[in-house]
PDB file of all heavy atoms in Angstrom:
ATOM      1  N   GLN A   1      12.073  14.790  -6.222  1.00  0.00           N
ATOM      2  CA  GLN A   1      11.282  13.629  -5.822  1.00  0.00           C
ATOM      3  C   GLN A   1      10.092  13.495  -6.704  1.00  0.00           C
ATOM      4  O   GLN A   1       9.680  12.392  -7.064  1.00  0.00           O
ATOM      5  CB  GLN A   1      10.871  13.739  -4.342  1.00  0.00           C
ATOM      6  CG  GLN A   1      12.042  13.652  -3.354  1.00  0.00           C
ATOM      7  CD  GLN A   1      12.823  12.345  -3.488  1.00  0.00           C
ATOM      8  OE1 GLN A   1      12.253  11.266  -3.501  1.00  0.00           O
ATOM      9  NE2 GLN A   1      14.100  12.482  -3.645  1.00  0.00           N
ATOM     10  N   ALA A   2       9.438  14.611  -7.051  1.00  0.00           N
ATOM     11  CA  ALA A   2       8.233  14.562  -7.860  1.00  0.00           C
ATOM     12  C   ALA A   2       8.544  14.145  -9.308  1.00  0.00           C
ATOM     13  O   ALA A   2       7.858  13.327  -9.885  1.00  0.00           O
ATOM     14  CB  ALA A   2       7.583  15.919  -7.875  1.00  0.00           C
ATOM     15  N   GLU A   3       9.668  14.654  -9.897  1.00  0.00           N
ATOM     16  CA  GLU A   3       9.939  14.359 -11.270  1.00  0.00           C
ATOM     17  C   GLU A   3      10.565  12.990 -11.434  1.00  0.00           C
ATOM     18  O   GLU A   3      10.205  12.293 -12.402  1.00  0.00           O
ATOM     19  CB  GLU A   3      10.915  15.431 -11.818  1.00  0.00           C
ATOM     20  CG  GLU A   3      10.224  16.774 -12.021  1.00  0.00           C
ATOM     21  CD  GLU A   3      11.171  17.815 -12.566  1.00  0.00           C
ATOM     22  OE1 GLU A   3      12.408  17.557 -12.652  1.00  0.00           O
ATOM     23  OE2 GLU A   3      10.675  18.920 -12.883  1.00  0.00           O
ATOM     24  N   LEU A   4      11.435  12.592 -10.589  1.00  0.00           N
ATOM     25  CA  LEU A   4      12.144  11.285 -10.769  1.00  0.00           C
ATOM     26  C   LEU A   4      11.460  10.134 -10.049  1.00  0.00           C
ATOM     27  O   LEU A   4      11.484   9.035 -10.577  1.00  0.00           O
ATOM     28  CB  LEU A   4      13.587  11.439 -10.278  1.00  0.00           C
ATOM     29  CG  LEU A   4      14.471  12.445 -10.930  1.00  0.00           C
ATOM     30  CD1 LEU A   4      15.834  12.513 -10.349  1.00  0.00           C
ATOM     31  CD2 LEU A   4      14.559  12.178 -12.461  1.00  0.00           C
ATOM     32  N   GLY A   5      10.816  10.379  -8.945  1.00  0.00           N
ATOM     33  CA  GLY A   5      10.246   9.288  -8.195  1.00  0.00           C
ATOM     34  C   GLY A   5       8.724   9.218  -8.234  1.00  0.00           C
ATOM     35  O   GLY A   5       8.139   8.363  -7.615  1.00  0.00           O
ATOM     36  N   HIS A   6       8.104  10.222  -8.891  1.00  0.00           N
ATOM     37  CA  HIS A   6       6.638  10.285  -9.020  1.00  0.00           C
ATOM     38  C   HIS A   6       5.943  10.435  -7.653  1.00  0.00           C
ATOM     39  O   HIS A   6       4.853   9.972  -7.501  1.00  0.00           O
ATOM     40  CB  HIS A   6       6.111   9.083  -9.790  1.00  0.00           C
ATOM     41  CG  HIS A   6       6.667   8.920 -11.110  1.00  0.00           C
ATOM     42  ND1 HIS A   6       6.327   9.736 -12.188  1.00  0.00           N
ATOM     43  CD2 HIS A   6       7.591   8.092 -11.619  1.00  0.00           C
ATOM     44  CE1 HIS A   6       7.023   9.423 -13.255  1.00  0.00           C
ATOM     45  NE2 HIS A   6       7.810   8.394 -12.959  1.00  0.00           N
ATOM     46  N   TRP A   7       6.669  11.087  -6.723  1.00  0.00           N
ATOM     47  CA  TRP A   7       6.056  11.371  -5.394  1.00  0.00           C
ATOM     48  C   TRP A   7       5.306  12.654  -5.467  1.00  0.00           C
ATOM     49  O   TRP A   7       5.644  13.549  -6.238  1.00  0.00           O
ATOM     50  CB  TRP A   7       7.107  11.457  -4.357  1.00  0.00           C
ATOM     51  CG  TRP A   7       7.816  10.178  -4.068  1.00  0.00           C
ATOM     52  CD1 TRP A   7       9.009   9.790  -4.569  1.00  0.00           C
ATOM     53  CD2 TRP A   7       7.404   9.117  -3.175  1.00  0.00           C
ATOM     54  NE1 TRP A   7       9.361   8.508  -4.097  1.00  0.00           N
ATOM     55  CE2 TRP A   7       8.381   8.105  -3.194  1.00  0.00           C
ATOM     56  CE3 TRP A   7       6.290   8.966  -2.371  1.00  0.00           C
ATOM     57  CZ2 TRP A   7       8.256   6.984  -2.505  1.00  0.00           C
ATOM     58  CZ3 TRP A   7       6.170   7.842  -1.617  1.00  0.00           C
ATOM     59  CH2 TRP A   7       7.144   6.846  -1.676  1.00  0.00           C
ATOM     60  N   GLU A   8       4.272  12.805  -4.660  1.00  0.00           N
ATOM     61  CA  GLU A   8       3.581  14.071  -4.548  1.00  0.00           C
ATOM     62  C   GLU A   8       3.568  14.436  -3.026  1.00  0.00           C
ATOM     63  O   GLU A   8       3.599  13.569  -2.152  1.00  0.00           O
ATOM     64  CB  GLU A   8       2.149  13.945  -5.053  1.00  0.00           C
ATOM     65  CG  GLU A   8       1.229  13.034  -4.391  1.00  0.00           C
ATOM     66  CD  GLU A   8      -0.133  12.947  -5.067  1.00  0.00           C
ATOM     67  OE1 GLU A   8      -0.188  12.862  -6.256  1.00  0.00           O
ATOM     68  OE2 GLU A   8      -1.096  12.964  -4.281  1.00  0.00           O
ATOM     69  N   LEU A   9       3.485  15.687  -2.804  1.00  0.00           N
ATOM     70  CA  LEU A   9       3.526  16.232  -1.461  1.00  0.00           C
ATOM     71  C   LEU A   9       2.171  15.978  -0.783  1.00  0.00           C
ATOM     72  O   LEU A   9       1.133  16.402  -1.282  1.00  0.00           O
ATOM     73  CB  LEU A   9       3.816  17.715  -1.465  1.00  0.00           C
ATOM     74  CG  LEU A   9       3.942  18.429  -0.084  1.00  0.00           C
ATOM     75  CD1 LEU A   9       5.083  17.834   0.701  1.00  0.00           C
ATOM     76  CD2 LEU A   9       4.073  19.901  -0.300  1.00  0.00           C
ATOM     77  N   ARG A  10       2.206  15.332   0.380  1.00  0.00           N
ATOM     78  CA  ARG A  10       0.982  15.083   1.137  1.00  0.00           C
ATOM     79  C   ARG A  10       0.855  16.113   2.230  1.00  0.00           C
ATOM     80  O   ARG A  10      -0.183  16.775   2.403  1.00  0.00           O
ATOM     81  CB  ARG A  10       0.968  13.696   1.708  1.00  0.00           C
ATOM     82  CG  ARG A  10      -0.273  13.426   2.522  1.00  0.00           C
ATOM     83  CD  ARG A  10      -0.351  11.943   2.919  1.00  0.00           C
ATOM     84  NE  ARG A  10      -1.583  11.763   3.636  1.00  0.00           N
ATOM     85  CZ  ARG A  10      -1.598  11.459   4.963  1.00  0.00           C
ATOM     86  NH1 ARG A  10      -0.494  11.294   5.626  1.00  0.00           N
ATOM     87  NH2 ARG A  10      -2.749  11.299   5.538  1.00  0.00           N
ATOM     88  N   ARG A  11       1.953  16.328   2.972  1.00  0.00           N
ATOM     89  CA  ARG A  11       1.979  17.313   4.073  1.00  0.00           C
ATOM     90  C   ARG A  11       3.366  17.781   4.294  1.00  0.00           C
ATOM     91  O   ARG A  11       4.310  16.999   4.270  1.00  0.00           O
ATOM     92  CB  ARG A  11       1.389  16.619   5.317  1.00  0.00           C
ATOM     93  CG  ARG A  11       1.359  17.535   6.500  1.00  0.00           C
ATOM     94  CD  ARG A  11       0.652  16.914   7.648  1.00  0.00           C
ATOM     95  NE  ARG A  11      -0.765  16.721   7.326  1.00  0.00           N
ATOM     96  CZ  ARG A  11      -1.522  15.660   7.680  1.00  0.00           C
ATOM     97  NH1 ARG A  11      -0.966  14.692   8.353  1.00  0.00           N
ATOM     98  NH2 ARG A  11      -2.767  15.585   7.320  1.00  0.00           N
ATOM     99  N   LEU A  12       3.515  19.018   4.628  1.00  0.00           N
ATOM    100  CA  LEU A  12       4.785  19.600   5.030  1.00  0.00           C
ATOM    101  C   LEU A  12       4.580  20.320   6.329  1.00  0.00           C
ATOM    102  O   LEU A  12       3.698  21.179   6.400  1.00  0.00           O
ATOM    103  CB  LEU A  12       5.360  20.551   3.943  1.00  0.00           C
ATOM    104  CG  LEU A  12       6.742  21.016   4.236  1.00  0.00           C
ATOM    105  CD1 LEU A  12       7.525  21.123   2.914  1.00  0.00           C
ATOM    106  CD2 LEU A  12       6.762  22.378   4.921  1.00  0.00           C
ATOM    107  N   ARG A  13       5.384  20.004   7.321  1.00  0.00           N
ATOM    108  CA  ARG A  13       5.261  20.705   8.609  1.00  0.00           C
ATOM    109  C   ARG A  13       6.576  21.372   8.874  1.00  0.00           C
ATOM    110  O   ARG A  13       7.649  20.734   8.862  1.00  0.00           O
ATOM    111  CB  ARG A  13       4.927  19.675   9.671  1.00  0.00           C
ATOM    112  CG  ARG A  13       4.742  20.340  10.999  1.00  0.00           C
ATOM    113  CD  ARG A  13       4.046  19.393  11.973  1.00  0.00           C
ATOM    114  NE  ARG A  13       3.745  20.205  13.160  1.00  0.00           N
ATOM    115  CZ  ARG A  13       3.042  19.705  14.111  1.00  0.00           C
ATOM    116  NH1 ARG A  13       2.533  18.529  14.100  1.00  0.00           N
ATOM    117  NH2 ARG A  13       2.845  20.463  15.188  1.00  0.00           N
ATOM    118  N   LEU A  14       6.541  22.694   9.183  1.00  0.00           N
ATOM    119  CA  LEU A  14       7.711  23.480   9.519  1.00  0.00           C
ATOM    120  C   LEU A  14       7.668  23.745  11.004  1.00  0.00           C
ATOM    121  O   LEU A  14       6.691  24.349  11.489  1.00  0.00           O
ATOM    122  CB  LEU A  14       7.718  24.800   8.710  1.00  0.00           C
ATOM    123  CG  LEU A  14       8.850  25.762   8.976  1.00  0.00           C
ATOM    124  CD1 LEU A  14      10.185  25.114   8.656  1.00  0.00           C
ATOM    125  CD2 LEU A  14       8.649  27.004   8.186  1.00  0.00           C
ATOM    126  N   TYR A  15       8.654  23.302  11.707  1.00  0.00           N
ATOM    127  CA  TYR A  15       8.728  23.476  13.142  1.00  0.00           C
ATOM    128  C   TYR A  15       9.359  24.881  13.504  1.00  0.00           C
ATOM    129  O   TYR A  15      10.046  25.440  12.668  1.00  0.00           O
ATOM    130  CB  TYR A  15       9.503  22.367  13.806  1.00  0.00           C
ATOM    131  CG  TYR A  15       8.776  21.026  13.688  1.00  0.00           C
ATOM    132  CD1 TYR A  15       9.097  20.122  12.721  1.00  0.00           C
ATOM    133  CD2 TYR A  15       7.764  20.710  14.603  1.00  0.00           C
ATOM    134  CE1 TYR A  15       8.448  18.909  12.627  1.00  0.00           C
ATOM    135  CE2 TYR A  15       7.130  19.468  14.565  1.00  0.00           C
ATOM    136  CZ  TYR A  15       7.454  18.571  13.553  1.00  0.00           C
ATOM    137  OH  TYR A  15       6.800  17.427  13.421  1.00  0.00           O
ATOM    138  N   ALA A  16       9.149  25.317  14.700  1.00  0.00           N
ATOM    139  CA  ALA A  16       9.650  26.604  15.121  1.00  0.00           C
ATOM    140  C   ALA A  16      11.175  26.678  15.068  1.00  0.00           C
ATOM    141  O   ALA A  16      11.701  27.769  14.862  1.00  0.00           O
ATOM    142  CB  ALA A  16       9.180  26.969  16.513  1.00  0.00           C
ATOM    143  N   ASP A  17      11.884  25.580  15.281  1.00  0.00           N
ATOM    144  CA  ASP A  17      13.322  25.616  15.260  1.00  0.00           C
ATOM    145  C   ASP A  17      13.918  25.496  13.856  1.00  0.00           C
ATOM    146  O   ASP A  17      15.088  25.460  13.716  1.00  0.00           O
ATOM    147  CB  ASP A  17      13.909  24.538  16.158  1.00  0.00           C
ATOM    148  CG  ASP A  17      13.607  23.123  15.711  1.00  0.00           C
ATOM    149  OD1 ASP A  17      12.818  22.990  14.745  1.00  0.00           O
ATOM    150  OD2 ASP A  17      14.106  22.158  16.337  1.00  0.00           O
ATOM    151  N   GLY A  18      13.039  25.366  12.805  1.00  0.00           N
ATOM    152  CA  GLY A  18      13.499  25.349  11.448  1.00  0.00           C
ATOM    153  C   GLY A  18      13.480  23.973  10.786  1.00  0.00           C
ATOM    154  O   GLY A  18      13.722  23.845   9.636  1.00  0.00           O
ATOM    155  N   ARG A  19      13.256  22.900  11.545  1.00  0.00           N
ATOM    156  CA  ARG A  19      13.209  21.566  10.968  1.00  0.00           C
ATOM    157  C   ARG A  19      11.965  21.444  10.108  1.00  0.00           C
ATOM    158  O   ARG A  19      10.973  22.138  10.312  1.00  0.00           O
ATOM    159  CB  ARG A  19      13.097  20.520  12.019  1.00  0.00           C
ATOM    160  CG  ARG A  19      14.340  20.338  12.934  1.00  0.00           C
ATOM    161  CD  ARG A  19      14.063  19.323  13.996  1.00  0.00           C
ATOM    162  NE  ARG A  19      12.981  19.765  14.902  1.00  0.00           N
ATOM    163  CZ  ARG A  19      12.024  18.997  15.360  1.00  0.00           C
ATOM    164  NH1 ARG A  19      11.910  17.713  14.965  1.00  0.00           N
ATOM    165  NH2 ARG A  19      11.119  19.439  16.156  1.00  0.00           N
ATOM    166  N   ARG A  20      12.038  20.583   9.108  1.00  0.00           N
ATOM    167  CA  ARG A  20      10.887  20.305   8.266  1.00  0.00           C
ATOM    168  C   ARG A  20      10.581  18.800   8.266  1.00  0.00           C
ATOM    169  O   ARG A  20      11.454  17.998   8.126  1.00  0.00           O
ATOM    170  CB  ARG A  20      11.163  20.758   6.810  1.00  0.00           C
ATOM    171  CG  ARG A  20      11.168  22.250   6.603  1.00  0.00           C
ATOM    172  CD  ARG A  20      11.488  22.528   5.128  1.00  0.00           C
ATOM    173  NE  ARG A  20      11.383  23.950   4.865  1.00  0.00           N
ATOM    174  CZ  ARG A  20      12.333  24.820   5.023  1.00  0.00           C
ATOM    175  NH1 ARG A  20      13.487  24.408   5.441  1.00  0.00           N
ATOM    176  NH2 ARG A  20      12.129  26.077   4.712  1.00  0.00           N
ATOM    177  N   LYS A  21       9.342  18.480   8.426  1.00  0.00           N
ATOM    178  CA  LYS A  21       8.865  17.092   8.304  1.00  0.00           C
ATOM    179  C   LYS A  21       7.976  17.017   7.087  1.00  0.00           C
ATOM    180  O   LYS A  21       6.993  17.708   6.962  1.00  0.00           O
ATOM    181  CB  LYS A  21       8.077  16.672   9.514  1.00  0.00           C
ATOM    182  CG  LYS A  21       7.582  15.235   9.403  1.00  0.00           C
ATOM    183  CD  LYS A  21       6.720  14.882  10.690  1.00  0.00           C
ATOM    184  CE  LYS A  21       6.150  13.522  10.558  1.00  0.00           C
ATOM    185  NZ  LYS A  21       5.287  13.162  11.668  1.00  0.00           N
ATOM    186  N   ILE A  22       8.406  16.198   6.075  1.00  0.00           N
ATOM    187  CA  ILE A  22       7.714  16.128   4.806  1.00  0.00           C
ATOM    188  C   ILE A  22       7.109  14.757   4.624  1.00  0.00           C
ATOM    189  O   ILE A  22       7.798  13.761   4.822  1.00  0.00           O
ATOM    190  CB  ILE A  22       8.697  16.436   3.649  1.00  0.00           C
ATOM    191  CG1 ILE A  22       9.302  17.798   3.867  1.00  0.00           C
ATOM    192  CG2 ILE A  22       8.010  16.323   2.302  1.00  0.00           C
ATOM    193  CD1 ILE A  22      10.435  18.098   2.913  1.00  0.00           C
ATOM    194  N   GLU A  23       5.831  14.675   4.316  1.00  0.00           N
ATOM    195  CA  GLU A  23       5.179  13.448   4.000  1.00  0.00           C
ATOM    196  C   GLU A  23       4.862  13.446   2.538  1.00  0.00           C
ATOM    197  O   GLU A  23       4.191  14.325   1.981  1.00  0.00           O
ATOM    198  CB  GLU A  23       3.875  13.259   4.812  1.00  0.00           C
ATOM    199  CG  GLU A  23       4.170  13.179   6.330  1.00  0.00           C
ATOM    200  CD  GLU A  23       2.901  13.028   7.172  1.00  0.00           C
ATOM    201  OE1 GLU A  23       1.858  12.635   6.549  1.00  0.00           O
ATOM    202  OE2 GLU A  23       2.957  13.370   8.332  1.00  0.00           O
ATOM    203  N   LEU A  24       5.363  12.393   1.865  1.00  0.00           N
ATOM    204  CA  LEU A  24       5.167  12.182   0.420  1.00  0.00           C
ATOM    205  C   LEU A  24       4.288  10.972   0.194  1.00  0.00           C
ATOM    206  O   LEU A  24       4.247  10.080   1.068  1.00  0.00           O
ATOM    207  CB  LEU A  24       6.515  12.017  -0.268  1.00  0.00           C
ATOM    208  CG  LEU A  24       7.521  13.136  -0.109  1.00  0.00           C
ATOM    209  CD1 LEU A  24       8.880  12.693  -0.639  1.00  0.00           C
ATOM    210  CD2 LEU A  24       7.076  14.413  -0.773  1.00  0.00           C
ATOM    211  N   ARG A  25       3.613  10.927  -0.947  1.00  0.00           N
ATOM    212  CA  ARG A  25       2.850   9.766  -1.317  1.00  0.00           C
ATOM    213  C   ARG A  25       2.870   9.550  -2.822  1.00  0.00           C
ATOM    214  O   ARG A  25       3.120  10.477  -3.556  1.00  0.00           O
ATOM    215  CB  ARG A  25       1.438   9.833  -0.787  1.00  0.00           C
ATOM    216  CG  ARG A  25       0.581  10.823  -1.536  1.00  0.00           C
ATOM    217  CD  ARG A  25      -0.830  10.852  -1.064  1.00  0.00           C
ATOM    218  NE  ARG A  25      -1.620  11.730  -1.892  1.00  0.00           N
ATOM    219  CZ  ARG A  25      -2.929  11.914  -1.742  1.00  0.00           C
ATOM    220  NH1 ARG A  25      -3.589  11.305  -0.767  1.00  0.00           N
ATOM    221  NH2 ARG A  25      -3.592  12.773  -2.555  1.00  0.00           N
ATOM    222  N   ARG A  26       2.620   8.335  -3.222  1.00  0.00           N
ATOM    223  CA  ARG A  26       2.461   7.993  -4.604  1.00  0.00           C
ATOM    224  C   ARG A  26       1.598   6.755  -4.756  1.00  0.00           C
ATOM    225  O   ARG A  26       1.471   5.921  -3.852  1.00  0.00           O
ATOM    226  CB  ARG A  26       3.782   7.783  -5.361  1.00  0.00           C
ATOM    227  CG  ARG A  26       4.539   6.573  -4.921  1.00  0.00           C
ATOM    228  CD  ARG A  26       5.858   6.450  -5.688  1.00  0.00           C
ATOM    229  NE  ARG A  26       6.735   5.414  -5.147  1.00  0.00           N
ATOM    230  CZ  ARG A  26       7.948   5.256  -5.552  1.00  0.00           C
ATOM    231  NH1 ARG A  26       8.482   5.975  -6.473  1.00  0.00           N
ATOM    232  NH2 ARG A  26       8.714   4.268  -5.024  1.00  0.00           N
ATOM    233  N   ARG A  27       0.867   6.712  -5.866  1.00  0.00           N
ATOM    234  CA  ARG A  27      -0.048   5.621  -6.077  1.00  0.00           C
ATOM    235  C   ARG A  27       0.675   4.309  -6.340  1.00  0.00           C
ATOM    236  O   ARG A  27       1.706   4.301  -7.035  1.00  0.00           O
ATOM    237  CB  ARG A  27      -1.017   5.918  -7.223  1.00  0.00           C
ATOM    238  CG  ARG A  27      -2.094   6.872  -6.876  1.00  0.00           C
ATOM    239  CD  ARG A  27      -3.048   7.127  -7.947  1.00  0.00           C
ATOM    240  NE  ARG A  27      -3.548   5.863  -8.519  1.00  0.00           N
ATOM    241  CZ  ARG A  27      -4.315   5.823  -9.613  1.00  0.00           C
ATOM    242  NH1 ARG A  27      -4.553   6.978 -10.298  1.00  0.00           N
ATOM    243  NH2 ARG A  27      -4.720   4.717 -10.087  1.00  0.00           N
ATOM    244  N   VAL A  28       0.151   3.230  -5.820  1.00  0.00           N
ATOM    245  CA  VAL A  28       0.708   1.945  -6.112  1.00  0.00           C
ATOM    246  C   VAL A  28       0.010   1.436  -7.366  1.00  0.00           C
ATOM    247  O   VAL A  28      -1.237   1.297  -7.392  1.00  0.00           O
ATOM    248  CB  VAL A  28       0.467   0.951  -4.951  1.00  0.00           C
ATOM    249  CG1 VAL A  28       0.934  -0.439  -5.312  1.00  0.00           C
ATOM    250  CG2 VAL A  28       1.181   1.470  -3.714  1.00  0.00           C
ATOM    251  N   ILE A  29       0.755   1.118  -8.351  1.00  0.00           N
ATOM    252  CA  ILE A  29       0.217   0.599  -9.648  1.00  0.00           C
ATOM    253  C   ILE A  29       0.458  -0.890  -9.677  1.00  0.00           C
ATOM    254  O   ILE A  29       1.642  -1.341  -9.762  1.00  0.00           O
ATOM    255  CB  ILE A  29       0.827   1.317 -10.860  1.00  0.00           C
ATOM    256  CG1 ILE A  29       0.548   2.834 -10.729  1.00  0.00           C
ATOM    257  CG2 ILE A  29       0.291   0.743 -12.140  1.00  0.00           C
ATOM    258  CD1 ILE A  29       1.238   3.663 -11.805  1.00  0.00           C
ATOM    259  N   LYS A  30      -0.632  -1.629  -9.713  1.00  0.00           N
ATOM    260  CA  LYS A  30      -0.442  -3.092  -9.758  1.00  0.00           C
ATOM    261  C   LYS A  30      -0.553  -3.581 -11.147  1.00  0.00           C
ATOM    262  O   LYS A  30      -1.472  -3.200 -11.911  1.00  0.00           O
ATOM    263  CB  LYS A  30      -1.507  -3.774  -8.919  1.00  0.00           C
ATOM    264  CG  LYS A  30      -1.374  -3.438  -7.404  1.00  0.00           C
ATOM    265  CD  LYS A  30      -2.350  -4.196  -6.563  1.00  0.00           C
ATOM    266  CE  LYS A  30      -2.114  -3.872  -5.110  1.00  0.00           C
ATOM    267  NZ  LYS A  30      -3.056  -4.575  -4.281  1.00  0.00           N
ATOM    268  N   ALA A  31       0.355  -4.464 -11.594  1.00  0.00           N
ATOM    269  CA  ALA A  31       0.341  -4.984 -12.925  1.00  0.00           C
ATOM    270  C   ALA A  31      -0.741  -6.062 -13.037  1.00  0.00           C
ATOM    271  O   ALA A  31      -0.868  -6.867 -12.114  1.00  0.00           O
ATOM    272  CB  ALA A  31       1.686  -5.586 -13.280  1.00  0.00           C
TER     273      ALA A  31
END
């Protein structure tokens, strides 16, 4: 995601049962 989509990790939450919730963000570039 970082290399191809230019996303960066904002937050990663690991739950006790093993699930992961990942929040990604990227800057909006206006032409």
